[in-house]
Amino acid sequence: MMRRKRISESMPASAVNDVRGQVKQAAAGAPMEYVTINGNWIIKVDHATINVTRNTLCQASTLQSWDLRHENLNAKHLKNWWGDRRSLILDDGTKITMHADSVHTKVHKMSIYDGQISIEFDNDNNTVLHQSIDPAVAQLREEAEADGETGYVEFVPDNSPGATGYVYFRNIYTQTNPGPAPQCLVMPVDASCVNEPLSTTGDLFQYPKQVNDLVDDPRLIHT
């Protein structure tokens, strides 16, 4: 389980301007939006396009999964998924698990686990299949699905004059079978953990458009 809340680092409500911990949708079938309890991340779901944005007081930074399991950071195509399942753990403990299969080559189902909250989405129809605020239900549902290729996305503060910090994206494990997730973010880490850097942004105040591609996907010419 990796749902550690850093409430002391949460953004002020004025910076979020939205309801935290609930799915917002303007109309049936319209894109959906979820702001994490911490307030630092905004998750937008529109069928197979999932945007995960760090909510900052300066330039936002967005990690995107789209179309046939492509992965972008600030519009830079980094890589494609290595399997039919992909999870992202955010630095406030929120976990997003996305599913595709042999029939649906695009994302067709996904889950969000944010503290005691668990949500399941039908991406094909832009609908919510399940939503609960029961911590026992969240744990059971999280452990009932394998995470697949799993990355960690964090904002790294920089206290240098004129700077604010950058986003760092890396892979930390792959889980092929349901059960408790490997412990990779606190010591001692499990033997199955990895540290595979994928990308960083430039400083979100000084160099908001900069993306450092740290991974070479041999399936793609341009990465």
C-alpha atoms as a PDB file:
ATOM      1  CA  MET A   1       0.000   0.000   0.000  1.00  0.00           C
ATOM      2  CA  MET A   2       1.369   3.433  -0.943  1.00  0.00           C
ATOM      3  CA  ARG A   3      -1.131   6.052   0.123  1.00  0.00           C
ATOM      4  CA  ARG A   4       0.911   8.388   2.299  1.00  0.00           C
ATOM      5  CA  LYS A   5      -0.553  11.882   2.571  1.00  0.00           C
ATOM      6  CA  ARG A   6       1.678  14.929   2.885  1.00  0.00           C
ATOM      7  CA  ILE A   7      -0.962  17.334   4.084  1.00  0.00           C
ATOM      8  CA  SER A   8       1.642  19.909   5.148  1.00  0.00           C
ATOM      9  CA  GLU A   9       2.659  20.286   1.480  1.00  0.00           C
ATOM     10  CA  SER A  10      -0.858  20.673   0.107  1.00  0.00           C
ATOM     11  CA  MET A  11      -1.740  23.657  -2.057  1.00  0.00           C
ATOM     12  CA  PRO A  12      -3.983  26.433  -0.692  1.00  0.00           C
ATOM     13  CA  ALA A  13      -7.615  26.085  -1.723  1.00  0.00           C
ATOM     14  CA  SER A  14      -7.364  29.266  -3.799  1.00  0.00           C
ATOM     15  CA  ALA A  15      -4.723  27.579  -5.982  1.00  0.00           C
ATOM     16  CA  VAL A  16      -6.963  24.613  -6.738  1.00  0.00           C
ATOM     17  CA  ASN A  17     -10.375  26.237  -7.224  1.00  0.00           C
ATOM     18  CA  ASP A  18     -12.094  22.867  -7.228  1.00  0.00           C
ATOM     19  CA  VAL A  19     -13.576  20.209  -4.995  1.00  0.00           C
ATOM     20  CA  ARG A  20     -10.956  17.734  -3.834  1.00  0.00           C
ATOM     21  CA  GLY A  21     -11.561  14.006  -3.689  1.00  0.00           C
ATOM     22  CA  GLN A  22     -14.597  14.024  -6.003  1.00  0.00           C
ATOM     23  CA  VAL A  23     -15.124  13.439  -9.717  1.00  0.00           C
ATOM     24  CA  LYS A  24     -16.326  16.497 -11.603  1.00  0.00           C
ATOM     25  CA  GLN A  25     -18.193  16.047 -14.905  1.00  0.00           C
ATOM     26  CA  ALA A  26     -20.191  18.721 -16.734  1.00  0.00           C
ATOM     27  CA  ALA A  27     -22.566  16.275 -18.441  1.00  0.00           C
ATOM     28  CA  ALA A  28     -22.964  12.556 -19.134  1.00  0.00           C
ATOM     29  CA  GLY A  29     -20.175  11.377 -21.421  1.00  0.00           C
ATOM     30  CA  ALA A  30     -18.173  14.581 -21.007  1.00  0.00           C
ATOM     31  CA  PRO A  31     -14.536  14.596 -19.835  1.00  0.00           C
ATOM     32  CA  MET A  32     -14.050  13.968 -16.114  1.00  0.00           C
ATOM     33  CA  GLU A  33     -11.756  15.696 -13.641  1.00  0.00           C
ATOM     34  CA  TYR A  34     -10.453  14.680 -10.219  1.00  0.00           C
ATOM     35  CA  VAL A  35      -8.379  16.814  -7.828  1.00  0.00           C
ATOM     36  CA  THR A  36      -6.450  14.771  -5.271  1.00  0.00           C
ATOM     37  CA  ILE A  37      -7.191  15.241  -1.578  1.00  0.00           C
ATOM     38  CA  ASN A  38      -3.776  16.850  -1.191  1.00  0.00           C
ATOM     39  CA  GLY A  39      -4.670  19.357  -3.898  1.00  0.00           C
ATOM     40  CA  ASN A  40      -1.349  19.134  -5.717  1.00  0.00           C
ATOM     41  CA  TRP A  41      -2.491  17.010  -8.664  1.00  0.00           C
ATOM     42  CA  ILE A  42      -5.344  17.281 -11.166  1.00  0.00           C
ATOM     43  CA  ILE A  43      -6.323  14.147 -13.113  1.00  0.00           C
ATOM     44  CA  LYS A  44      -8.375  14.648 -16.279  1.00  0.00           C
ATOM     45  CA  VAL A  45      -9.964  11.688 -18.066  1.00  0.00           C
ATOM     46  CA  ASP A  46     -11.347  11.847 -21.593  1.00  0.00           C
ATOM     47  CA  HIS A  47     -11.724   8.308 -22.906  1.00  0.00           C
ATOM     48  CA  ALA A  48      -8.185   6.977 -23.623  1.00  0.00           C
ATOM     49  CA  THR A  49      -6.512  10.327 -22.914  1.00  0.00           C
ATOM     50  CA  ILE A  50      -5.479  10.776 -19.291  1.00  0.00           C
ATOM     51  CA  ASN A  51      -3.731  13.976 -18.192  1.00  0.00           C
ATOM     52  CA  VAL A  52      -2.020  14.136 -14.797  1.00  0.00           C
ATOM     53  CA  THR A  53      -1.053  17.717 -13.998  1.00  0.00           C
ATOM     54  CA  ARG A  54       1.005  19.072 -11.133  1.00  0.00           C
ATOM     55  CA  ASN A  55      -0.974  22.030  -9.805  1.00  0.00           C
ATOM     56  CA  THR A  56       1.506  24.789  -8.990  1.00  0.00           C
ATOM     57  CA  LEU A  57       1.342  28.529  -8.512  1.00  0.00           C
ATOM     58  CA  CYS A  58       3.519  28.976 -11.603  1.00  0.00           C
ATOM     59  CA  GLN A  59       3.744  26.810 -14.736  1.00  0.00           C
ATOM     60  CA  ALA A  60       1.873  23.502 -14.522  1.00  0.00           C
ATOM     61  CA  SER A  61       3.463  20.266 -15.742  1.00  0.00           C
ATOM     62  CA  THR A  62       1.402  17.485 -17.362  1.00  0.00           C
ATOM     63  CA  LEU A  63       2.084  13.782 -17.806  1.00  0.00           C
ATOM     64  CA  GLN A  64      -0.202  12.310 -20.450  1.00  0.00           C
ATOM     65  CA  SER A  65      -1.204   8.798 -21.515  1.00  0.00           C
ATOM     66  CA  TRP A  66      -3.007   8.837 -24.861  1.00  0.00           C
ATOM     67  CA  ASP A  67      -4.181   6.828 -27.852  1.00  0.00           C
ATOM     68  CA  LEU A  68      -2.321   3.506 -28.223  1.00  0.00           C
ATOM     69  CA  ARG A  69      -0.647   3.690 -24.784  1.00  0.00           C
ATOM     70  CA  HIS A  70       1.726   6.532 -25.633  1.00  0.00           C
ATOM     71  CA  GLU A  71       3.304   8.498 -22.794  1.00  0.00           C
ATOM     72  CA  ASN A  72       4.107  12.225 -22.946  1.00  0.00           C
ATOM     73  CA  LEU A  73       5.538  14.771 -20.551  1.00  0.00           C
ATOM     74  CA  ASN A  74       4.580  18.348 -21.445  1.00  0.00           C
ATOM     75  CA  ALA A  75       3.702  17.190 -24.985  1.00  0.00           C
ATOM     76  CA  LYS A  76       7.092  15.432 -25.481  1.00  0.00           C
ATOM     77  CA  HIS A  77       6.574  11.781 -26.470  1.00  0.00           C
ATOM     78  CA  LEU A  78       8.846   9.789 -24.141  1.00  0.00           C
ATOM     79  CA  LYS A  79       7.881   6.145 -24.631  1.00  0.00           C
ATOM     80  CA  ASN A  80       5.034   3.686 -24.946  1.00  0.00           C
ATOM     81  CA  TRP A  81       3.790   1.315 -22.265  1.00  0.00           C
ATOM     82  CA  TRP A  82       5.632  -1.999 -22.101  1.00  0.00           C
ATOM     83  CA  GLY A  83       2.471  -4.000 -21.405  1.00  0.00           C
ATOM     84  CA  ASP A  84      -1.293  -3.730 -21.170  1.00  0.00           C
ATOM     85  CA  ARG A  85      -1.300  -2.191 -17.687  1.00  0.00           C
ATOM     86  CA  ARG A  86       0.285   1.010 -16.377  1.00  0.00           C
ATOM     87  CA  SER A  87       0.288   2.613 -12.924  1.00  0.00           C
ATOM     88  CA  LEU A  88       1.439   6.035 -11.780  1.00  0.00           C
ATOM     89  CA  ILE A  89       2.108   6.828  -8.130  1.00  0.00           C
ATOM     90  CA  LEU A  90       2.071  10.549  -7.380  1.00  0.00           C
ATOM     91  CA  ASP A  91       4.164  12.168  -4.684  1.00  0.00           C
ATOM     92  CA  ASP A  92       1.106  12.632  -2.442  1.00  0.00           C
ATOM     93  CA  GLY A  93       0.503   8.861  -2.431  1.00  0.00           C
ATOM     94  CA  THR A  94      -2.294   8.796  -5.023  1.00  0.00           C
ATOM     95  CA  LYS A  95      -2.145   5.798  -7.373  1.00  0.00           C
ATOM     96  CA  ILE A  96      -3.614   5.662 -10.886  1.00  0.00           C
ATOM     97  CA  THR A  97      -3.870   2.252 -12.583  1.00  0.00           C
ATOM     98  CA  MET A  98      -4.812   2.098 -16.278  1.00  0.00           C
ATOM     99  CA  HIS A  99      -5.868  -1.006 -18.223  1.00  0.00           C
ATOM    100  CA  ALA A 100      -5.860  -2.042 -21.852  1.00  0.00           C
ATOM    101  CA  ASP A 101      -6.129  -5.555 -23.332  1.00  0.00           C
ATOM    102  CA  SER A 102      -6.063  -7.506 -26.592  1.00  0.00           C
ATOM    103  CA  VAL A 103      -9.509  -6.234 -27.504  1.00  0.00           C
ATOM    104  CA  HIS A 104      -9.076  -2.630 -26.375  1.00  0.00           C
ATOM    105  CA  THR A 105      -5.639  -1.491 -27.496  1.00  0.00           C
ATOM    106  CA  LYS A 106      -6.382   1.876 -25.903  1.00  0.00           C
ATOM    107  CA  VAL A 107      -7.076   2.465 -22.204  1.00  0.00           C
ATOM    108  CA  HIS A 108     -10.590   1.192 -21.517  1.00  0.00           C
ATOM    109  CA  LYS A 109     -10.631   1.106 -17.702  1.00  0.00           C
ATOM    110  CA  MET A 110      -8.744   2.850 -14.923  1.00  0.00           C
ATOM    111  CA  SER A 111      -8.741   3.254 -11.156  1.00  0.00           C
ATOM    112  CA  ILE A 112      -7.700   6.002  -8.747  1.00  0.00           C
ATOM    113  CA  TYR A 113      -6.712   5.260  -5.138  1.00  0.00           C
ATOM    114  CA  ASP A 114      -6.314   8.385  -3.006  1.00  0.00           C
ATOM    115  CA  GLY A 115      -6.167   7.679   0.726  1.00  0.00           C
ATOM    116  CA  GLN A 116      -9.512   6.150   1.672  1.00  0.00           C
ATOM    117  CA  ILE A 117     -11.015   6.983  -1.741  1.00  0.00           C
ATOM    118  CA  SER A 118     -11.295   4.416  -4.540  1.00  0.00           C
ATOM    119  CA  ILE A 119     -12.748   5.210  -7.976  1.00  0.00           C
ATOM    120  CA  GLU A 120     -13.113   3.038 -11.078  1.00  0.00           C
ATOM    121  CA  PHE A 121     -13.730   4.575 -14.511  1.00  0.00           C
ATOM    122  CA  ASP A 122     -15.155   3.190 -17.751  1.00  0.00           C
ATOM    123  CA  ASN A 123     -12.973   5.106 -20.207  1.00  0.00           C
ATOM    124  CA  ASP A 124     -14.856   3.876 -23.262  1.00  0.00           C
ATOM    125  CA  ASN A 125     -17.995   5.696 -22.112  1.00  0.00           C
ATOM    126  CA  ASN A 126     -16.505   8.378 -19.828  1.00  0.00           C
ATOM    127  CA  THR A 127     -18.440   7.115 -16.825  1.00  0.00           C
ATOM    128  CA  VAL A 128     -17.707   6.216 -13.200  1.00  0.00           C
ATOM    129  CA  LEU A 129     -18.313   2.558 -12.364  1.00  0.00           C
ATOM    130  CA  HIS A 130     -17.425   2.711  -8.657  1.00  0.00           C
ATOM    131  CA  GLN A 131     -16.713   5.352  -6.032  1.00  0.00           C
ATOM    132  CA  SER A 132     -16.156   4.784  -2.316  1.00  0.00           C
ATOM    133  CA  ILE A 133     -14.606   6.549   0.669  1.00  0.00           C
ATOM    134  CA  ASP A 134     -14.131   3.348   2.669  1.00  0.00           C
ATOM    135  CA  PRO A 135     -10.415   2.640   3.383  1.00  0.00           C
ATOM    136  CA  ALA A 136     -11.035  -1.121   3.656  1.00  0.00           C
ATOM    137  CA  VAL A 137     -12.717  -1.139   0.248  1.00  0.00           C
ATOM    138  CA  ALA A 138      -9.863   0.909  -1.232  1.00  0.00           C
ATOM    139  CA  GLN A 139      -7.268  -1.556   0.068  1.00  0.00           C
ATOM    140  CA  LEU A 140      -9.185  -4.616  -1.154  1.00  0.00           C
ATOM    141  CA  ARG A 141      -9.732  -3.172  -4.605  1.00  0.00           C
ATOM    142  CA  GLU A 142      -6.140  -1.959  -4.942  1.00  0.00           C
ATOM    143  CA  GLU A 143      -4.676  -5.317  -3.996  1.00  0.00           C
ATOM    144  CA  ALA A 144      -7.123  -7.145  -6.296  1.00  0.00           C
ATOM    145  CA  GLU A 145      -5.540  -5.657  -9.418  1.00  0.00           C
ATOM    146  CA  ALA A 146      -1.936  -5.880 -10.513  1.00  0.00           C
ATOM    147  CA  ASP A 147      -0.227  -2.546 -11.077  1.00  0.00           C
ATOM    148  CA  GLY A 148       1.767  -3.539 -14.154  1.00  0.00           C
ATOM    149  CA  GLU A 149       4.583  -1.192 -15.189  1.00  0.00           C
ATOM    150  CA  THR A 150       4.644   1.383 -12.392  1.00  0.00           C
ATOM    151  CA  GLY A 151       6.121   4.864 -12.358  1.00  0.00           C
ATOM    152  CA  TYR A 152       6.610   7.471  -9.657  1.00  0.00           C
ATOM    153  CA  VAL A 153       5.971  11.145 -10.402  1.00  0.00           C
ATOM    154  CA  GLU A 154       7.244  13.771  -7.984  1.00  0.00           C
ATOM    155  CA  PHE A 155       7.778  17.495  -7.714  1.00  0.00           C
ATOM    156  CA  VAL A 156      11.334  18.224  -6.542  1.00  0.00           C
ATOM    157  CA  PRO A 157      11.532  21.647  -4.851  1.00  0.00           C
ATOM    158  CA  ASP A 158      14.432  24.001  -5.583  1.00  0.00           C
ATOM    159  CA  ASN A 159      15.056  26.778  -3.071  1.00  0.00           C
ATOM    160  CA  SER A 160      17.606  28.562  -5.265  1.00  0.00           C
ATOM    161  CA  PRO A 161      16.901  32.256  -5.957  1.00  0.00           C
ATOM    162  CA  GLY A 162      14.321  32.613  -8.725  1.00  0.00           C
ATOM    163  CA  ALA A 163      13.625  28.882  -8.909  1.00  0.00           C
ATOM    164  CA  THR A 164      10.676  26.770  -7.764  1.00  0.00           C
ATOM    165  CA  GLY A 165      11.452  23.137  -8.690  1.00  0.00           C
ATOM    166  CA  TYR A 166      10.912  20.494 -11.354  1.00  0.00           C
ATOM    167  CA  VAL A 167       8.965  17.281 -12.015  1.00  0.00           C
ATOM    168  CA  TYR A 168      10.867  13.979 -11.992  1.00  0.00           C
ATOM    169  CA  PHE A 169       9.326  10.857 -13.587  1.00  0.00           C
ATOM    170  CA  ARG A 170      10.828   7.368 -13.125  1.00  0.00           C
ATOM    171  CA  ASN A 171       9.819   3.709 -13.141  1.00  0.00           C
ATOM    172  CA  ILE A 172      10.086   1.909  -9.803  1.00  0.00           C
ATOM    173  CA  TYR A 173       8.637  -1.610 -10.279  1.00  0.00           C
ATOM    174  CA  THR A 174       6.495  -3.950 -12.379  1.00  0.00           C
ATOM    175  CA  GLN A 175       3.751  -5.993 -10.733  1.00  0.00           C
ATOM    176  CA  THR A 176       2.296  -8.807 -12.825  1.00  0.00           C
ATOM    177  CA  ASN A 177       0.078 -10.486 -10.196  1.00  0.00           C
ATOM    178  CA  PRO A 178      -2.513  -9.030  -7.798  1.00  0.00           C
ATOM    179  CA  GLY A 179      -1.488  -8.473  -4.188  1.00  0.00           C
ATOM    180  CA  PRO A 180       0.255  -5.843  -2.051  1.00  0.00           C
ATOM    181  CA  ALA A 181       2.493  -3.581  -4.118  1.00  0.00           C
ATOM    182  CA  PRO A 182       6.277  -3.772  -3.691  1.00  0.00           C
ATOM    183  CA  GLN A 183       7.675  -1.319  -1.148  1.00  0.00           C
ATOM    184  CA  CYS A 184       9.874   0.968  -3.239  1.00  0.00           C
ATOM    185  CA  LEU A 185       9.519   4.432  -1.712  1.00  0.00           C
ATOM    186  CA  VAL A 186      10.626   3.783   1.875  1.00  0.00           C
ATOM    187  CA  MET A 187      13.588   1.855   3.233  1.00  0.00           C
ATOM    188  CA  PRO A 188      14.263  -0.998   3.097  1.00  0.00           C
ATOM    189  CA  VAL A 189      13.037  -1.382  -0.486  1.00  0.00           C
ATOM    190  CA  ASP A 190      11.923  -4.716  -1.917  1.00  0.00           C
ATOM    191  CA  ALA A 191      14.308  -6.659  -4.129  1.00  0.00           C
ATOM    192  CA  SER A 192      11.928  -6.288  -7.102  1.00  0.00           C
ATOM    193  CA  CYS A 193      12.247  -2.493  -7.117  1.00  0.00           C
ATOM    194  CA  VAL A 194      14.084  -0.623  -9.866  1.00  0.00           C
ATOM    195  CA  ASN A 195      15.145   2.982 -10.405  1.00  0.00           C
ATOM    196  CA  GLU A 196      14.683   3.771 -14.098  1.00  0.00           C
ATOM    197  CA  PRO A 197      14.730   7.537 -14.804  1.00  0.00           C
ATOM    198  CA  LEU A 198      12.336   8.474 -17.612  1.00  0.00           C
ATOM    199  CA  SER A 199      12.223  12.266 -17.698  1.00  0.00           C
ATOM    200  CA  THR A 200      12.538  15.555 -15.845  1.00  0.00           C
ATOM    201  CA  THR A 201      11.196  18.988 -16.618  1.00  0.00           C
ATOM    202  CA  GLY A 202      13.149  22.191 -16.359  1.00  0.00           C
ATOM    203  CA  ASP A 203      12.430  24.476 -13.453  1.00  0.00           C
ATOM    204  CA  LEU A 204       8.704  25.207 -13.679  1.00  0.00           C
ATOM    205  CA  PHE A 205       9.296  28.943 -13.179  1.00  0.00           C
ATOM    206  CA  GLN A 206      12.516  29.519 -15.114  1.00  0.00           C
ATOM    207  CA  TYR A 207      12.311  26.891 -17.896  1.00  0.00           C
ATOM    208  CA  PRO A 208       8.669  25.731 -18.028  1.00  0.00           C
ATOM    209  CA  LYS A 209       8.851  24.304 -21.566  1.00  0.00           C
ATOM    210  CA  GLN A 210      12.029  22.256 -21.043  1.00  0.00           C
ATOM    211  CA  VAL A 211      11.714  18.437 -21.041  1.00  0.00           C
ATOM    212  CA  ASN A 212      14.731  16.191 -20.487  1.00  0.00           C
ATOM    213  CA  ASP A 213      14.108  12.802 -22.131  1.00  0.00           C
ATOM    214  CA  LEU A 214      16.091  10.221 -20.149  1.00  0.00           C
ATOM    215  CA  VAL A 215      14.748   7.032 -21.756  1.00  0.00           C
ATOM    216  CA  ASP A 216      15.410   5.461 -25.161  1.00  0.00           C
ATOM    217  CA  ASP A 217      12.412   3.456 -26.375  1.00  0.00           C
ATOM    218  CA  PRO A 218      13.863   1.247 -29.166  1.00  0.00           C
ATOM    219  CA  ARG A 219      10.389   0.882 -30.686  1.00  0.00           C
ATOM    220  CA  LEU A 220      10.299   4.618 -31.455  1.00  0.00           C
ATOM    221  CA  ILE A 221      12.593   6.524 -33.813  1.00  0.00           C
ATOM    222  CA  HIS A 222      12.112   9.932 -32.224  1.00  0.00           C
ATOM    223  CA  THR A 223      12.887   9.196 -28.568  1.00  0.00           C
END
